[in-house]
Amino acid sequence: MAVLLIVVVVGIVATKLGYLDEGVRAKLSQVINNITLPCMIVASAGALDASALGGQIALSIGLGFAAFLVMLAAGVLCGTVLRAPKAQRTVYLFMSICSNLGFLGIPVIAALYGNETVLFSSVFIMGHSILFYSAGFGLLVGGQEQGGGLRNALRSVVNPSMVASAIALVLVFAHIQLPGFAEDSLNMLGRLTAPLAMMMVGVIVANSRLTDVVTEWRIYPFIALRHFLLPLGVHYALAPFVSDTIILGIAVVMLAMPVGSLAPIFAGMYGHDAKLTAKGTILSTIASFALIPILVALVLS
């Protein structure tokens, strides 16, 4: 995490010097989501042995489904405990279920557990995303007539990372070995994901007016509850029952991921408080570089 944080700082400095801006961030984010991250996922298949994976794949996708339900319950609890105004409760609920699992989660998991665990992370995200883009958006839409928007959200389930996950699963279980040059190319492109993603986080932080962001007091206990105490509690609750410490560790770290960068866009799309959601994204992202190392240290102790 220290290495990733240094890259974030480089992104902040590069933005302040004028080398990076929001336009560059938008383009590079597309490169990450549509090219380098899918390559990273497919490349991970080459390091895995299908004969030992069946249970791990099933456990990963099952924990992905369960994670969404836990996030959902946490969102309801946070809105109630923090006595958020009624108009903001849906926002806190959505911030709880809309986490930065792919863009930030997969690079962090790869840094912590190795590139060979990327496929497990991807399958976990697959389970979460199926519920997120259906039930999650249903909660955000509420009673509004936004059928077209909801249909577009459901189409988002089929995205480059999902397709890459499916391809990786086929490669593993069909025992298909890619040619050496293809695997090397995928690995080279995939290795760009973490540094590019962390630099883009730096752009977001550098372009944020922190004096406006830090005044939203409810977000601080929300982050503590949702992004630290919840994953820690899940770890201690599941540790006696889940013997695979790597899969459990992936699930716990994924639960600690900050609010997703698309959350403000989705919130604004359906008439909710996009500014509050943006504050949640920024503060939880900054906090994650302190909370995740502490969480990992506690989980591994």
C-alpha atoms as a PDB file:
ATOM      1  CA  MET A   1       0.000   0.000   0.000  1.00  0.00           C
ATOM      2  CA  ALA A   2       2.918   2.354   0.664  1.00  0.00           C
ATOM      3  CA  VAL A   3       4.063   1.901  -2.940  1.00  0.00           C
ATOM      4  CA  LEU A   4       0.546   2.597  -4.232  1.00  0.00           C
ATOM      5  CA  LEU A   5       0.314   5.698  -2.042  1.00  0.00           C
ATOM      6  CA  ILE A   6       3.576   7.032  -3.500  1.00  0.00           C
ATOM      7  CA  VAL A   7       2.095   6.670  -7.000  1.00  0.00           C
ATOM      8  CA  VAL A   8      -1.013   8.575  -5.840  1.00  0.00           C
ATOM      9  CA  VAL A   9       1.252  11.379  -4.607  1.00  0.00           C
ATOM     10  CA  VAL A  10       3.000  11.403  -8.000  1.00  0.00           C
ATOM     11  CA  GLY A  11      -0.438  11.814  -9.591  1.00  0.00           C
ATOM     12  CA  ILE A  12      -1.209  14.741  -7.279  1.00  0.00           C
ATOM     13  CA  VAL A  13       2.104  16.452  -8.068  1.00  0.00           C
ATOM     14  CA  ALA A  14       1.713  15.832 -11.810  1.00  0.00           C
ATOM     15  CA  THR A  15      -1.747  17.410 -11.689  1.00  0.00           C
ATOM     16  CA  LYS A  16      -0.515  20.454  -9.778  1.00  0.00           C
ATOM     17  CA  LEU A  17       2.280  20.871 -12.354  1.00  0.00           C
ATOM     18  CA  GLY A  18      -0.244  20.750 -15.180  1.00  0.00           C
ATOM     19  CA  TYR A  19       0.838  17.414 -16.688  1.00  0.00           C
ATOM     20  CA  LEU A  20      -2.503  15.777 -15.825  1.00  0.00           C
ATOM     21  CA  ASP A  21      -6.031  17.167 -15.724  1.00  0.00           C
ATOM     22  CA  GLU A  22      -9.655  15.977 -15.717  1.00  0.00           C
ATOM     23  CA  GLY A  23      -9.632  15.496 -19.486  1.00  0.00           C
ATOM     24  CA  VAL A  24      -6.599  13.222 -19.289  1.00  0.00           C
ATOM     25  CA  ARG A  25      -8.131  11.406 -16.301  1.00  0.00           C
ATOM     26  CA  ALA A  26     -11.336  10.691 -18.217  1.00  0.00           C
ATOM     27  CA  LYS A  27      -9.413   9.262 -21.176  1.00  0.00           C
ATOM     28  CA  LEU A  28      -6.982   7.218 -19.081  1.00  0.00           C
ATOM     29  CA  SER A  29      -9.854   5.890 -16.963  1.00  0.00           C
ATOM     30  CA  GLN A  30     -11.353   4.515 -20.174  1.00  0.00           C
ATOM     31  CA  VAL A  31      -8.000   2.962 -21.055  1.00  0.00           C
ATOM     32  CA  ILE A  32      -7.860   1.291 -17.630  1.00  0.00           C
ATOM     33  CA  ASN A  33     -11.455   0.036 -17.607  1.00  0.00           C
ATOM     34  CA  ASN A  34     -11.557  -1.056 -21.246  1.00  0.00           C
ATOM     35  CA  ILE A  35      -7.996  -2.222 -21.945  1.00  0.00           C
ATOM     36  CA  THR A  36      -5.460  -2.678 -19.142  1.00  0.00           C
ATOM     37  CA  LEU A  37      -7.773  -4.072 -16.420  1.00  0.00           C
ATOM     38  CA  PRO A  38      -9.355  -6.692 -18.742  1.00  0.00           C
ATOM     39  CA  CYS A  39      -5.848  -7.660 -19.900  1.00  0.00           C
ATOM     40  CA  MET A  40      -4.784  -8.050 -16.261  1.00  0.00           C
ATOM     41  CA  ILE A  41      -7.773 -10.326 -15.593  1.00  0.00           C
ATOM     42  CA  VAL A  42      -7.174 -12.560 -18.631  1.00  0.00           C
ATOM     43  CA  ALA A  43      -3.427 -12.715 -17.920  1.00  0.00           C
ATOM     44  CA  SER A  44      -4.116 -14.017 -14.396  1.00  0.00           C
ATOM     45  CA  ALA A  45      -5.533 -17.225 -15.897  1.00  0.00           C
ATOM     46  CA  GLY A  46      -2.066 -18.342 -16.937  1.00  0.00           C
ATOM     47  CA  ALA A  47      -0.912 -18.697 -13.318  1.00  0.00           C
ATOM     48  CA  LEU A  48      -3.805 -20.878 -12.151  1.00  0.00           C
ATOM     49  CA  ASP A  49      -4.386 -24.634 -12.004  1.00  0.00           C
ATOM     50  CA  ALA A  50      -7.997 -25.564 -12.807  1.00  0.00           C
ATOM     51  CA  SER A  51      -7.836 -28.804 -10.811  1.00  0.00           C
ATOM     52  CA  ALA A  52      -7.728 -26.869  -7.534  1.00  0.00           C
ATOM     53  CA  LEU A  53      -9.967 -23.940  -8.436  1.00  0.00           C
ATOM     54  CA  GLY A  54     -13.566 -25.150  -8.445  1.00  0.00           C
ATOM     55  CA  GLY A  55     -14.207 -24.508  -4.767  1.00  0.00           C
ATOM     56  CA  GLN A  56     -12.340 -21.197  -4.758  1.00  0.00           C
ATOM     57  CA  ILE A  57     -14.306 -19.862  -7.745  1.00  0.00           C
ATOM     58  CA  ALA A  58     -17.629 -20.878  -6.189  1.00  0.00           C
ATOM     59  CA  LEU A  59     -16.619 -19.381  -2.837  1.00  0.00           C
ATOM     60  CA  SER A  60     -15.503 -16.127  -4.495  1.00  0.00           C
ATOM     61  CA  ILE A  61     -18.741 -15.570  -6.380  1.00  0.00           C
ATOM     62  CA  GLY A  62     -20.794 -16.585  -3.322  1.00  0.00           C
ATOM     63  CA  LEU A  63     -18.941 -14.066  -1.172  1.00  0.00           C
ATOM     64  CA  GLY A  64     -19.528 -11.469  -3.894  1.00  0.00           C
ATOM     65  CA  PHE A  65     -23.290 -12.002  -3.626  1.00  0.00           C
ATOM     66  CA  ALA A  66     -23.103 -11.950   0.171  1.00  0.00           C
ATOM     67  CA  ALA A  67     -20.968  -8.789   0.148  1.00  0.00           C
ATOM     68  CA  PHE A  68     -23.692  -6.860  -1.666  1.00  0.00           C
ATOM     69  CA  LEU A  69     -26.265  -7.872   0.941  1.00  0.00           C
ATOM     70  CA  VAL A  70     -23.910  -6.939   3.789  1.00  0.00           C
ATOM     71  CA  MET A  71     -23.167  -3.572   2.144  1.00  0.00           C
ATOM     72  CA  LEU A  72     -26.892  -2.995   1.726  1.00  0.00           C
ATOM     73  CA  ALA A  73     -27.601  -3.700   5.395  1.00  0.00           C
ATOM     74  CA  ALA A  74     -24.679  -1.476   6.418  1.00  0.00           C
ATOM     75  CA  GLY A  75     -26.050   1.377   4.314  1.00  0.00           C
ATOM     76  CA  VAL A  76     -29.434   1.170   6.012  1.00  0.00           C
ATOM     77  CA  LEU A  77     -27.774   0.994   9.441  1.00  0.00           C
ATOM     78  CA  CYS A  78     -25.466   3.960   8.766  1.00  0.00           C
ATOM     79  CA  GLY A  79     -28.299   6.161   7.552  1.00  0.00           C
ATOM     80  CA  THR A  80     -30.287   5.354  10.695  1.00  0.00           C
ATOM     81  CA  VAL A  81     -27.453   5.580  13.242  1.00  0.00           C
ATOM     82  CA  LEU A  82     -26.144   8.853  11.789  1.00  0.00           C
ATOM     83  CA  ARG A  83     -29.671  10.302  11.710  1.00  0.00           C
ATOM     84  CA  ALA A  84     -29.176  11.437   8.148  1.00  0.00           C
ATOM     85  CA  PRO A  85     -31.979  13.586   6.708  1.00  0.00           C
ATOM     86  CA  LYS A  86     -34.534  11.493   4.865  1.00  0.00           C
ATOM     87  CA  ALA A  87     -33.444  12.909   1.493  1.00  0.00           C
ATOM     88  CA  GLN A  88     -29.849  11.755   2.150  1.00  0.00           C
ATOM     89  CA  ARG A  89     -30.552   8.222   3.375  1.00  0.00           C
ATOM     90  CA  THR A  90     -30.763   6.818  -0.135  1.00  0.00           C
ATOM     91  CA  VAL A  91     -27.413   8.487  -0.889  1.00  0.00           C
ATOM     92  CA  TYR A  92     -25.723   6.843   2.103  1.00  0.00           C
ATOM     93  CA  LEU A  93     -27.314   3.544   1.114  1.00  0.00           C
ATOM     94  CA  PHE A  94     -25.999   3.863  -2.429  1.00  0.00           C
ATOM     95  CA  MET A  95     -22.527   4.951  -1.272  1.00  0.00           C
ATOM     96  CA  SER A  96     -22.450   1.802   0.840  1.00  0.00           C
ATOM     97  CA  ILE A  97     -23.106  -0.550  -2.089  1.00  0.00           C
ATOM     98  CA  CYS A  98     -21.245   1.373  -4.834  1.00  0.00           C
ATOM     99  CA  SER A  99     -17.595   0.613  -4.080  1.00  0.00           C
ATOM    100  CA  ASN A 100     -14.484   1.021  -6.211  1.00  0.00           C
ATOM    101  CA  LEU A 101     -14.016  -2.736  -6.556  1.00  0.00           C
ATOM    102  CA  GLY A 102     -12.530  -2.973 -10.036  1.00  0.00           C
ATOM    103  CA  PHE A 103     -10.653   0.257 -10.677  1.00  0.00           C
ATOM    104  CA  LEU A 104      -8.992   0.316  -7.241  1.00  0.00           C
ATOM    105  CA  GLY A 105      -9.837  -3.045  -5.670  1.00  0.00           C
ATOM    106  CA  ILE A 106      -8.165  -5.345  -8.187  1.00  0.00           C
ATOM    107  CA  PRO A 107      -4.826  -3.446  -8.240  1.00  0.00           C
ATOM    108  CA  VAL A 108      -4.791  -3.377  -4.420  1.00  0.00           C
ATOM    109  CA  ILE A 109      -5.581  -7.112  -4.195  1.00  0.00           C
ATOM    110  CA  ALA A 110      -2.860  -7.854  -6.757  1.00  0.00           C
ATOM    111  CA  ALA A 111      -0.370  -5.808  -4.722  1.00  0.00           C
ATOM    112  CA  LEU A 112      -1.318  -7.582  -1.486  1.00  0.00           C
ATOM    113  CA  TYR A 113      -1.824 -11.178  -2.644  1.00  0.00           C
ATOM    114  CA  GLY A 114      -0.159 -11.422  -6.067  1.00  0.00           C
ATOM    115  CA  ASN A 115      -1.375 -11.311  -9.669  1.00  0.00           C
ATOM    116  CA  GLU A 116      -2.515 -14.932  -9.508  1.00  0.00           C
ATOM    117  CA  THR A 117      -5.418 -13.844  -7.263  1.00  0.00           C
ATOM    118  CA  VAL A 118      -6.814 -11.361  -9.802  1.00  0.00           C
ATOM    119  CA  LEU A 119      -9.258 -13.925 -11.224  1.00  0.00           C
ATOM    120  CA  PHE A 120     -10.722 -14.569  -7.758  1.00  0.00           C
ATOM    121  CA  SER A 121     -11.179 -10.813  -7.293  1.00  0.00           C
ATOM    122  CA  SER A 122     -12.870 -10.583 -10.691  1.00  0.00           C
ATOM    123  CA  VAL A 123     -15.283 -13.409  -9.918  1.00  0.00           C
ATOM    124  CA  PHE A 124     -16.077 -11.793  -6.553  1.00  0.00           C
ATOM    125  CA  ILE A 125     -16.898  -8.559  -8.404  1.00  0.00           C
ATOM    126  CA  MET A 126     -19.040 -10.521 -10.860  1.00  0.00           C
ATOM    127  CA  GLY A 127     -21.246 -11.770  -8.014  1.00  0.00           C
ATOM    128  CA  HIS A 128     -21.526  -8.295  -6.487  1.00  0.00           C
ATOM    129  CA  SER A 129     -22.203  -6.579  -9.819  1.00  0.00           C
ATOM    130  CA  ILE A 130     -25.114  -8.821 -10.782  1.00  0.00           C
ATOM    131  CA  LEU A 131     -27.012  -7.623  -7.705  1.00  0.00           C
ATOM    132  CA  PHE A 132     -25.625  -4.076  -7.799  1.00  0.00           C
ATOM    133  CA  TYR A 133     -26.798  -3.319 -11.334  1.00  0.00           C
ATOM    134  CA  SER A 134     -30.230  -4.796 -10.668  1.00  0.00           C
ATOM    135  CA  ALA A 135     -31.364  -4.451  -7.056  1.00  0.00           C
ATOM    136  CA  GLY A 136     -28.898  -1.636  -6.312  1.00  0.00           C
ATOM    137  CA  PHE A 137     -30.151   0.560  -9.107  1.00  0.00           C
ATOM    138  CA  GLY A 138     -33.721  -0.330  -8.256  1.00  0.00           C
ATOM    139  CA  LEU A 139     -33.142   1.231  -4.826  1.00  0.00           C
ATOM    140  CA  LEU A 140     -31.558   4.332  -6.343  1.00  0.00           C
ATOM    141  CA  VAL A 141     -34.343   4.823  -8.874  1.00  0.00           C
ATOM    142  CA  GLY A 142     -37.072   4.321  -6.289  1.00  0.00           C
ATOM    143  CA  GLY A 143     -40.375   5.482  -7.593  1.00  0.00           C
ATOM    144  CA  GLN A 144     -38.958   7.654 -10.348  1.00  0.00           C
ATOM    145  CA  GLU A 145     -39.786   6.966 -13.982  1.00  0.00           C
ATOM    146  CA  GLN A 146     -36.278   6.255 -15.172  1.00  0.00           C
ATOM    147  CA  GLY A 147     -36.817   3.031 -17.076  1.00  0.00           C
ATOM    148  CA  GLY A 148     -34.312   3.901 -19.808  1.00  0.00           C
ATOM    149  CA  GLY A 149     -31.660   4.737 -17.240  1.00  0.00           C
ATOM    150  CA  LEU A 150     -32.297   1.501 -15.383  1.00  0.00           C
ATOM    151  CA  ARG A 151     -32.075  -0.483 -18.618  1.00  0.00           C
ATOM    152  CA  ASN A 152     -28.746   1.196 -19.339  1.00  0.00           C
ATOM    153  CA  ALA A 153     -27.569   0.287 -15.840  1.00  0.00           C
ATOM    154  CA  LEU A 154     -28.530  -3.341 -16.382  1.00  0.00           C
ATOM    155  CA  ARG A 155     -26.579  -3.342 -19.651  1.00  0.00           C
ATOM    156  CA  SER A 156     -23.565  -2.206 -17.630  1.00  0.00           C
ATOM    157  CA  VAL A 157     -23.390  -5.698 -16.120  1.00  0.00           C
ATOM    158  CA  VAL A 158     -21.862  -6.752 -19.443  1.00  0.00           C
ATOM    159  CA  ASN A 159     -18.659  -4.711 -19.434  1.00  0.00           C
ATOM    160  CA  PRO A 160     -15.058  -5.394 -20.510  1.00  0.00           C
ATOM    161  CA  SER A 161     -14.036  -6.661 -17.063  1.00  0.00           C
ATOM    162  CA  MET A 162     -16.980  -9.069 -16.931  1.00  0.00           C
ATOM    163  CA  VAL A 163     -16.168 -10.339 -20.427  1.00  0.00           C
ATOM    164  CA  ALA A 164     -12.504 -10.713 -19.445  1.00  0.00           C
ATOM    165  CA  SER A 165     -13.527 -12.678 -16.336  1.00  0.00           C
ATOM    166  CA  ALA A 166     -15.596 -15.048 -18.474  1.00  0.00           C
ATOM    167  CA  ILE A 167     -12.703 -15.499 -20.923  1.00  0.00           C
ATOM    168  CA  ALA A 168     -10.283 -16.176 -18.051  1.00  0.00           C
ATOM    169  CA  LEU A 169     -12.618 -18.812 -16.592  1.00  0.00           C
ATOM    170  CA  VAL A 170     -12.879 -20.532 -19.985  1.00  0.00           C
ATOM    171  CA  LEU A 171      -9.090 -20.507 -20.387  1.00  0.00           C
ATOM    172  CA  VAL A 172      -8.580 -22.010 -16.937  1.00  0.00           C
ATOM    173  CA  PHE A 173     -11.223 -24.729 -16.985  1.00  0.00           C
ATOM    174  CA  ALA A 174     -10.707 -25.653 -20.652  1.00  0.00           C
ATOM    175  CA  HIS A 175      -6.948 -25.941 -19.992  1.00  0.00           C
ATOM    176  CA  ILE A 176      -6.186 -23.523 -22.837  1.00  0.00           C
ATOM    177  CA  GLN A 177      -2.656 -22.135 -22.793  1.00  0.00           C
ATOM    178  CA  LEU A 178      -2.176 -18.875 -24.670  1.00  0.00           C
ATOM    179  CA  PRO A 179       0.899 -18.496 -26.913  1.00  0.00           C
ATOM    180  CA  GLY A 180       3.859 -17.027 -25.085  1.00  0.00           C
ATOM    181  CA  PHE A 181       3.817 -13.732 -26.985  1.00  0.00           C
ATOM    182  CA  ALA A 182       0.086 -13.259 -26.257  1.00  0.00           C
ATOM    183  CA  GLU A 183       0.502 -13.983 -22.546  1.00  0.00           C
ATOM    184  CA  ASP A 184       3.513 -11.658 -22.329  1.00  0.00           C
ATOM    185  CA  SER A 185       1.572  -8.886 -24.081  1.00  0.00           C
ATOM    186  CA  LEU A 186      -1.406  -9.281 -21.747  1.00  0.00           C
ATOM    187  CA  ASN A 187       0.884  -9.240 -18.712  1.00  0.00           C
ATOM    188  CA  MET A 188       2.672  -6.116 -19.946  1.00  0.00           C
ATOM    189  CA  LEU A 189      -0.611  -4.266 -20.516  1.00  0.00           C
ATOM    190  CA  GLY A 190      -2.074  -5.564 -17.258  1.00  0.00           C
ATOM    191  CA  ARG A 191       0.872  -4.280 -15.254  1.00  0.00           C
ATOM    192  CA  LEU A 192      -0.049  -0.742 -16.347  1.00  0.00           C
ATOM    193  CA  THR A 193      -3.322  -0.956 -14.403  1.00  0.00           C
ATOM    194  CA  ALA A 194      -2.080  -0.278 -10.867  1.00  0.00           C
ATOM    195  CA  PRO A 195       0.175   2.736 -11.595  1.00  0.00           C
ATOM    196  CA  LEU A 196      -2.351   4.343 -13.954  1.00  0.00           C
ATOM    197  CA  ALA A 197      -5.249   3.781 -11.540  1.00  0.00           C
ATOM    198  CA  MET A 198      -3.338   5.223  -8.589  1.00  0.00           C
ATOM    199  CA  MET A 199      -2.270   8.272 -10.610  1.00  0.00           C
ATOM    200  CA  MET A 200      -5.912   8.859 -11.569  1.00  0.00           C
ATOM    201  CA  VAL A 201      -6.816   8.767  -7.869  1.00  0.00           C
ATOM    202  CA  GLY A 202      -4.157  11.456  -7.434  1.00  0.00           C
ATOM    203  CA  VAL A 203      -5.860  13.593 -10.097  1.00  0.00           C
ATOM    204  CA  ILE A 204      -9.202  13.316  -8.264  1.00  0.00           C
ATOM    205  CA  VAL A 205      -7.631  14.348  -4.950  1.00  0.00           C
ATOM    206  CA  ALA A 206      -5.623  17.198  -6.520  1.00  0.00           C
ATOM    207  CA  ASN A 207      -8.707  18.660  -8.213  1.00  0.00           C
ATOM    208  CA  SER A 208     -10.871  18.495  -5.079  1.00  0.00           C
ATOM    209  CA  ARG A 209     -11.528  21.535  -2.917  1.00  0.00           C
ATOM    210  CA  LEU A 210     -10.861  19.814   0.381  1.00  0.00           C
ATOM    211  CA  THR A 211     -12.102  22.829   2.358  1.00  0.00           C
ATOM    212  CA  ASP A 212     -15.582  22.119   0.966  1.00  0.00           C
ATOM    213  CA  VAL A 213     -15.298  18.349   1.299  1.00  0.00           C
ATOM    214  CA  VAL A 214     -14.179  18.104   4.937  1.00  0.00           C
ATOM    215  CA  THR A 215     -17.224  19.940   6.344  1.00  0.00           C
ATOM    216  CA  GLU A 216     -19.618  17.001   5.803  1.00  0.00           C
ATOM    217  CA  TRP A 217     -19.324  15.553   9.326  1.00  0.00           C
ATOM    218  CA  ARG A 218     -21.549  12.487   8.829  1.00  0.00           C
ATOM    219  CA  ILE A 219     -19.174  11.056   6.243  1.00  0.00           C
ATOM    220  CA  TYR A 220     -16.443  10.487   8.861  1.00  0.00           C
ATOM    221  CA  PRO A 221     -18.414   8.049  11.048  1.00  0.00           C
ATOM    222  CA  PHE A 222     -19.873   6.556   7.847  1.00  0.00           C
ATOM    223  CA  ILE A 223     -16.358   5.742   6.622  1.00  0.00           C
ATOM    224  CA  ALA A 224     -15.361   4.316  10.008  1.00  0.00           C
ATOM    225  CA  LEU A 225     -18.455   2.100  10.169  1.00  0.00           C
ATOM    226  CA  ARG A 226     -18.774   1.057   6.535  1.00  0.00           C
ATOM    227  CA  HIS A 227     -15.153   0.883   5.376  1.00  0.00           C
ATOM    228  CA  PHE A 228     -13.365  -0.307   8.518  1.00  0.00           C
ATOM    229  CA  LEU A 229     -15.573  -1.811  11.214  1.00  0.00           C
ATOM    230  CA  LEU A 230     -17.791  -3.678   8.725  1.00  0.00           C
ATOM    231  CA  PRO A 231     -14.979  -5.543   6.905  1.00  0.00           C
ATOM    232  CA  LEU A 232     -13.221  -6.199  10.207  1.00  0.00           C
ATOM    233  CA  GLY A 233     -16.431  -7.620  11.681  1.00  0.00           C
ATOM    234  CA  VAL A 234     -17.018  -9.758   8.583  1.00  0.00           C
ATOM    235  CA  HIS A 235     -13.506 -11.179   8.888  1.00  0.00           C
ATOM    236  CA  TYR A 236     -13.982 -12.261  12.499  1.00  0.00           C
ATOM    237  CA  ALA A 237     -17.475 -13.595  11.752  1.00  0.00           C
ATOM    238  CA  LEU A 238     -16.384 -15.727   8.775  1.00  0.00           C
ATOM    239  CA  ALA A 239     -12.869 -16.774   9.843  1.00  0.00           C
ATOM    240  CA  PRO A 240     -14.093 -19.834  11.809  1.00  0.00           C
ATOM    241  CA  PHE A 241     -16.069 -21.067   8.772  1.00  0.00           C
ATOM    242  CA  VAL A 242     -13.925 -20.098   5.745  1.00  0.00           C
ATOM    243  CA  SER A 243     -10.659 -22.020   5.736  1.00  0.00           C
ATOM    244  CA  ASP A 244      -9.298 -20.379   2.569  1.00  0.00           C
ATOM    245  CA  THR A 245      -7.571 -17.341   4.061  1.00  0.00           C
ATOM    246  CA  ILE A 246      -6.734 -15.800   0.671  1.00  0.00           C
ATOM    247  CA  ILE A 247     -10.339 -15.817  -0.588  1.00  0.00           C
ATOM    248  CA  LEU A 248     -11.537 -14.501   2.773  1.00  0.00           C
ATOM    249  CA  GLY A 249      -8.830 -11.819   2.700  1.00  0.00           C
ATOM    250  CA  ILE A 250      -9.905 -10.752  -0.789  1.00  0.00           C
ATOM    251  CA  ALA A 251     -13.528 -10.421   0.361  1.00  0.00           C
ATOM    252  CA  VAL A 252     -12.551  -8.411   3.449  1.00  0.00           C
ATOM    253  CA  VAL A 253     -10.275  -6.026   1.531  1.00  0.00           C
ATOM    254  CA  MET A 254     -12.916  -5.594  -1.178  1.00  0.00           C
ATOM    255  CA  LEU A 255     -15.439  -4.604   1.502  1.00  0.00           C
ATOM    256  CA  ALA A 256     -13.017  -1.873   2.605  1.00  0.00           C
ATOM    257  CA  MET A 257     -12.776  -0.293  -0.855  1.00  0.00           C
ATOM    258  CA  PRO A 258     -13.862   3.373  -0.987  1.00  0.00           C
ATOM    259  CA  VAL A 259     -16.999   4.762  -2.597  1.00  0.00           C
ATOM    260  CA  GLY A 260     -16.820   4.314  -6.374  1.00  0.00           C
ATOM    261  CA  SER A 261     -15.888   7.199  -8.654  1.00  0.00           C
ATOM    262  CA  LEU A 262     -19.080   6.632 -10.677  1.00  0.00           C
ATOM    263  CA  ALA A 263     -21.329   6.969  -7.613  1.00  0.00           C
ATOM    264  CA  PRO A 264     -21.781  10.777  -7.941  1.00  0.00           C
ATOM    265  CA  ILE A 265     -22.693  10.368 -11.613  1.00  0.00           C
ATOM    266  CA  PHE A 266     -25.276   7.685 -10.858  1.00  0.00           C
ATOM    267  CA  ALA A 267     -26.701   9.682  -7.941  1.00  0.00           C
ATOM    268  CA  GLY A 268     -27.090  12.818 -10.056  1.00  0.00           C
ATOM    269  CA  MET A 269     -28.627  10.795 -12.877  1.00  0.00           C
ATOM    270  CA  TYR A 270     -31.528   9.813 -10.624  1.00  0.00           C
ATOM    271  CA  GLY A 271     -32.038  13.163  -8.893  1.00  0.00           C
ATOM    272  CA  HIS A 272     -30.117  12.499  -5.664  1.00  0.00           C
ATOM    273  CA  ASP A 273     -27.408  14.577  -3.952  1.00  0.00           C
ATOM    274  CA  ALA A 274     -24.410  14.201  -6.276  1.00  0.00           C
ATOM    275  CA  LYS A 275     -22.297  16.657  -4.233  1.00  0.00           C
ATOM    276  CA  LEU A 276     -22.677  14.595  -1.059  1.00  0.00           C
ATOM    277  CA  THR A 277     -21.815  11.455  -3.013  1.00  0.00           C
ATOM    278  CA  ALA A 278     -18.710  13.131  -4.475  1.00  0.00           C
ATOM    279  CA  LYS A 279     -17.592  14.107  -0.969  1.00  0.00           C
ATOM    280  CA  GLY A 280     -18.023  10.488   0.107  1.00  0.00           C
ATOM    281  CA  THR A 281     -15.938   9.311  -2.844  1.00  0.00           C
ATOM    282  CA  ILE A 282     -13.083  11.724  -2.145  1.00  0.00           C
ATOM    283  CA  LEU A 283     -12.913  11.317   1.644  1.00  0.00           C
ATOM    284  CA  SER A 284     -13.288   7.524   1.600  1.00  0.00           C
ATOM    285  CA  THR A 285     -10.587   7.259  -1.088  1.00  0.00           C
ATOM    286  CA  ILE A 286      -8.158   9.344   0.965  1.00  0.00           C
ATOM    287  CA  ALA A 287      -9.040   7.431   4.149  1.00  0.00           C
ATOM    288  CA  SER A 288      -8.589   4.054   2.446  1.00  0.00           C
ATOM    289  CA  PHE A 289      -4.817   4.508   2.236  1.00  0.00           C
ATOM    290  CA  ALA A 290      -4.707   4.628   6.031  1.00  0.00           C
ATOM    291  CA  LEU A 291      -7.527   2.214   6.873  1.00  0.00           C
ATOM    292  CA  ILE A 292      -6.708  -0.647   4.491  1.00  0.00           C
ATOM    293  CA  PRO A 293      -3.124  -1.204   5.771  1.00  0.00           C
ATOM    294  CA  ILE A 294      -4.444  -1.200   9.353  1.00  0.00           C
ATOM    295  CA  LEU A 295      -7.209  -3.611   8.364  1.00  0.00           C
ATOM    296  CA  VAL A 296      -4.798  -5.943   6.563  1.00  0.00           C
ATOM    297  CA  ALA A 297      -2.418  -5.897   9.546  1.00  0.00           C
ATOM    298  CA  LEU A 298      -5.273  -6.872  11.891  1.00  0.00           C
ATOM    299  CA  VAL A 299      -6.581  -9.553   9.530  1.00  0.00           C
ATOM    300  CA  LEU A 300      -3.152 -11.135   9.031  1.00  0.00           C
ATOM    301  CA  SER A 301      -2.185 -10.976  12.707  1.00  0.00           C
END
